[in-house]
C-alpha atoms as a PDB file:
ATOM      1  CA  MET A   1       0.000   0.000   0.000  1.00  0.00           C
ATOM      2  CA  HIS A   2       1.334   3.419  -0.959  1.00  0.00           C
ATOM      3  CA  PHE A   3       0.997   6.203   1.648  1.00  0.00           C
ATOM      4  CA  ASN A   4       1.152   9.804   0.598  1.00  0.00           C
ATOM      5  CA  LEU A   5       2.926  12.063   3.110  1.00  0.00           C
ATOM      6  CA  SER A   6       0.622  14.976   2.240  1.00  0.00           C
ATOM      7  CA  LEU A   7      -2.491  12.976   3.097  1.00  0.00           C
ATOM      8  CA  VAL A   8      -0.945  11.773   6.335  1.00  0.00           C
ATOM      9  CA  LEU A   9      -0.068  15.352   7.347  1.00  0.00           C
ATOM     10  CA  LEU A  10      -3.572  16.631   6.493  1.00  0.00           C
ATOM     11  CA  TYR A  11      -5.145  13.787   8.476  1.00  0.00           C
ATOM     12  CA  ALA A  12      -2.849  14.497  11.451  1.00  0.00           C
ATOM     13  CA  LEU A  13      -3.801  18.191  11.350  1.00  0.00           C
ATOM     14  CA  LEU A  14      -7.505  17.325  11.364  1.00  0.00           C
ATOM     15  CA  VAL A  15      -7.075  14.854  14.238  1.00  0.00           C
ATOM     16  CA  ILE A  16      -5.236  17.491  16.272  1.00  0.00           C
ATOM     17  CA  LEU A  17      -7.761  20.285  15.629  1.00  0.00           C
ATOM     18  CA  ALA A  18     -10.999  18.265  15.868  1.00  0.00           C
ATOM     19  CA  PRO A  19     -11.081  17.942  19.702  1.00  0.00           C
ATOM     20  CA  PHE A  20     -10.826  21.723  20.104  1.00  0.00           C
ATOM     21  CA  TYR A  21     -13.894  22.287  17.937  1.00  0.00           C
ATOM     22  CA  SER A  22     -16.119  19.415  19.008  1.00  0.00           C
ATOM     23  CA  GLN A  23     -16.195  19.513  22.808  1.00  0.00           C
ATOM     24  CA  ALA A  24     -19.560  20.097  24.484  1.00  0.00           C
ATOM     25  CA  LYS A  25     -19.685  22.855  27.070  1.00  0.00           C
ATOM     26  CA  SER A  26     -21.910  23.263  30.107  1.00  0.00           C
ATOM     27  CA  LEU A  27     -25.020  25.407  29.637  1.00  0.00           C
ATOM     28  CA  GLY A  28     -24.612  26.997  33.045  1.00  0.00           C
ATOM     29  CA  LYS A  29     -22.159  27.455  35.870  1.00  0.00           C
ATOM     30  CA  VAL A  30     -22.503  24.937  38.700  1.00  0.00           C
ATOM     31  CA  GLU A  31     -22.126  26.134  42.283  1.00  0.00           C
ATOM     32  CA  HIS A  32     -20.319  24.074  44.909  1.00  0.00           C
ATOM     33  CA  ASN A  33     -23.629  22.794  46.350  1.00  0.00           C
ATOM     34  CA  GLY A  34     -24.715  21.450  42.926  1.00  0.00           C
ATOM     35  CA  SER A  35     -27.342  24.057  41.991  1.00  0.00           C
ATOM     36  CA  MET A  36     -27.126  25.824  38.638  1.00  0.00           C
ATOM     37  CA  LEU A  37     -26.500  29.536  38.216  1.00  0.00           C
ATOM     38  CA  ALA A  38     -27.933  31.497  35.296  1.00  0.00           C
ATOM     39  CA  PRO A  39     -26.935  30.012  31.932  1.00  0.00           C
ATOM     40  CA  GLN A  40     -24.069  31.703  30.164  1.00  0.00           C
ATOM     41  CA  PRO A  41     -24.085  32.212  26.402  1.00  0.00           C
ATOM     42  CA  ARG A  42     -22.507  29.359  24.465  1.00  0.00           C
ATOM     43  CA  HIS A  43     -20.002  29.964  21.728  1.00  0.00           C
ATOM     44  CA  LYS A  44     -20.432  27.439  18.957  1.00  0.00           C
ATOM     45  CA  ARG A  45     -17.239  26.315  17.304  1.00  0.00           C
ATOM     46  CA  GLN A  46     -18.028  24.825  13.950  1.00  0.00           C
ATOM     47  CA  PHE A  47     -15.864  23.443  11.222  1.00  0.00           C
ATOM     48  CA  SER A  48     -16.507  21.784   7.898  1.00  0.00           C
ATOM     49  CA  LEU A  49     -14.651  18.860   6.393  1.00  0.00           C
ATOM     50  CA  ASN A  50     -15.123  18.156   2.705  1.00  0.00           C
ATOM     51  CA  PHE A  51     -13.663  15.165   0.859  1.00  0.00           C
ATOM     52  CA  GLY A  52     -14.037  14.246  -2.787  1.00  0.00           C
ATOM     53  CA  ALA A  53     -12.665  12.218  -5.668  1.00  0.00           C
ATOM     54  CA  THR A  54     -13.372  12.243  -9.388  1.00  0.00           C
ATOM     55  CA  HIS A  55     -12.326   9.374 -11.663  1.00  0.00           C
ATOM     56  CA  GLU A  56     -12.285   9.290 -15.464  1.00  0.00           C
ATOM     57  CA  ASP A  57     -11.132   6.223 -17.410  1.00  0.00           C
ATOM     58  CA  GLY A  58      -7.855   6.888 -19.196  1.00  0.00           C
ATOM     59  CA  TYR A  59      -7.317  10.165 -17.374  1.00  0.00           C
ATOM     60  CA  GLY A  60      -6.950   9.101 -13.731  1.00  0.00           C
ATOM     61  CA  THR A  61      -8.367  10.227 -10.401  1.00  0.00           C
ATOM     62  CA  ASP A  62      -8.396  13.647  -8.790  1.00  0.00           C
ATOM     63  CA  VAL A  63      -8.590  13.612  -4.983  1.00  0.00           C
ATOM     64  CA  ASN A  64      -9.333  16.640  -2.809  1.00  0.00           C
ATOM     65  CA  ALA A  65      -9.913  17.467   0.839  1.00  0.00           C
ATOM     66  CA  GLU A  66     -10.755  20.737   2.552  1.00  0.00           C
ATOM     67  CA  ALA A  67     -11.146  21.868   6.166  1.00  0.00           C
ATOM     68  CA  ILE A  68     -12.794  25.205   7.023  1.00  0.00           C
ATOM     69  CA  ALA A  69     -13.102  26.622  10.551  1.00  0.00           C
ATOM     70  CA  SER A  70     -13.966  29.769  12.412  1.00  0.00           C
ATOM     71  CA  LEU A  71     -10.880  30.212  14.591  1.00  0.00           C
ATOM     72  CA  TRP A  72     -11.708  33.302  16.685  1.00  0.00           C
ATOM     73  CA  LYS A  73     -14.473  35.863  17.127  1.00  0.00           C
ATOM     74  CA  SER A  74     -14.537  38.973  19.317  1.00  0.00           C
ATOM     75  CA  GLN A  75     -17.225  39.332  21.976  1.00  0.00           C
ATOM     76  CA  SER A  76     -18.987  42.010  19.927  1.00  0.00           C
ATOM     77  CA  GLY A  77     -18.882  39.761  16.865  1.00  0.00           C
ATOM     78  CA  ASN A  78     -17.461  42.561  14.704  1.00  0.00           C
ATOM     79  CA  THR A  79     -13.992  41.028  14.369  1.00  0.00           C
ATOM     80  CA  LYS A  80     -13.240  37.436  13.420  1.00  0.00           C
ATOM     81  CA  LEU A  81     -10.550  35.128  12.121  1.00  0.00           C
ATOM     82  CA  ASP A  82     -11.414  32.216   9.830  1.00  0.00           C
ATOM     83  CA  GLY A  83      -9.080  29.607   8.420  1.00  0.00           C
ATOM     84  CA  SER A  84      -9.073  26.906   5.796  1.00  0.00           C
ATOM     85  CA  ALA A  85      -6.703  24.248   4.476  1.00  0.00           C
ATOM     86  CA  SER A  86      -6.995  22.264   1.259  1.00  0.00           C
ATOM     87  CA  TYR A  87      -5.277  19.358  -0.452  1.00  0.00           C
ATOM     88  CA  THR A  88      -5.558  18.253  -4.092  1.00  0.00           C
ATOM     89  CA  GLN A  89      -3.658  15.619  -6.055  1.00  0.00           C
ATOM     90  CA  HIS A  90      -3.990  13.724  -9.338  1.00  0.00           C
ATOM     91  CA  PHE A  91      -3.334   9.967  -9.484  1.00  0.00           C
ATOM     92  CA  GLY A  92      -2.863   7.720 -12.509  1.00  0.00           C
ATOM     93  CA  GLY A  93      -3.628   8.224 -16.186  1.00  0.00           C
ATOM     94  CA  LEU A  94      -1.140   8.981 -18.949  1.00  0.00           C
ATOM     95  CA  SER A  95       0.563  11.752 -16.994  1.00  0.00           C
ATOM     96  CA  GLY A  96       1.033   9.561 -13.897  1.00  0.00           C
ATOM     97  CA  ASP A  97       0.775  10.769 -10.332  1.00  0.00           C
ATOM     98  CA  GLY A  98       0.938  14.520  -9.851  1.00  0.00           C
ATOM     99  CA  LYS A  99       2.441  16.483  -7.001  1.00  0.00           C
ATOM    100  CA  ALA A 100       0.278  17.181  -4.001  1.00  0.00           C
ATOM    101  CA  ARG A 101      -0.952  20.759  -3.721  1.00  0.00           C
ATOM    102  CA  ILE A 102      -1.561  21.918  -0.171  1.00  0.00           C
ATOM    103  CA  SER A 103      -2.745  25.409   0.618  1.00  0.00           C
ATOM    104  CA  GLY A 104      -3.968  27.358   3.598  1.00  0.00           C
ATOM    105  CA  LEU A 105      -5.840  30.598   4.043  1.00  0.00           C
ATOM    106  CA  LEU A 106      -6.383  32.860   7.050  1.00  0.00           C
ATOM    107  CA  THR A 107      -9.077  35.519   6.717  1.00  0.00           C
ATOM    108  CA  PHE A 108      -9.211  38.363   9.223  1.00  0.00           C
ATOM    109  CA  SER A 109     -12.281  40.589   8.991  1.00  0.00           C
ATOM    110  CA  HIS A 110     -13.679  43.507  10.942  1.00  0.00           C
ATOM    111  CA  GLY A 111     -17.082  45.098  10.410  1.00  0.00           C
ATOM    112  CA  TYR A 112     -17.700  48.723  11.298  1.00  0.00           C
END
């Protein structure tokens, strides 16, 4: 079996980041005697994972993966930082296996 270092690195990155974005948080603060205080607002951390492959006889297979996440948001919601990472690679066909293309993007935005 042939392992591609790029795929292994992308998978490792996703495994490392996933726990930070998927943990459930308490809806309220618990006092020492067990009673609940007023609920505090929850901050949802969401991310998207997209995987795909396209195969055409005689041409080969194109494989792609993408991860998109909201990394940080100010309390007012006016300022935020989003990030994404993507991987694409061609396998097989007349041209053979292509080089892996890995890219990342950080987007900082502020609304007035």
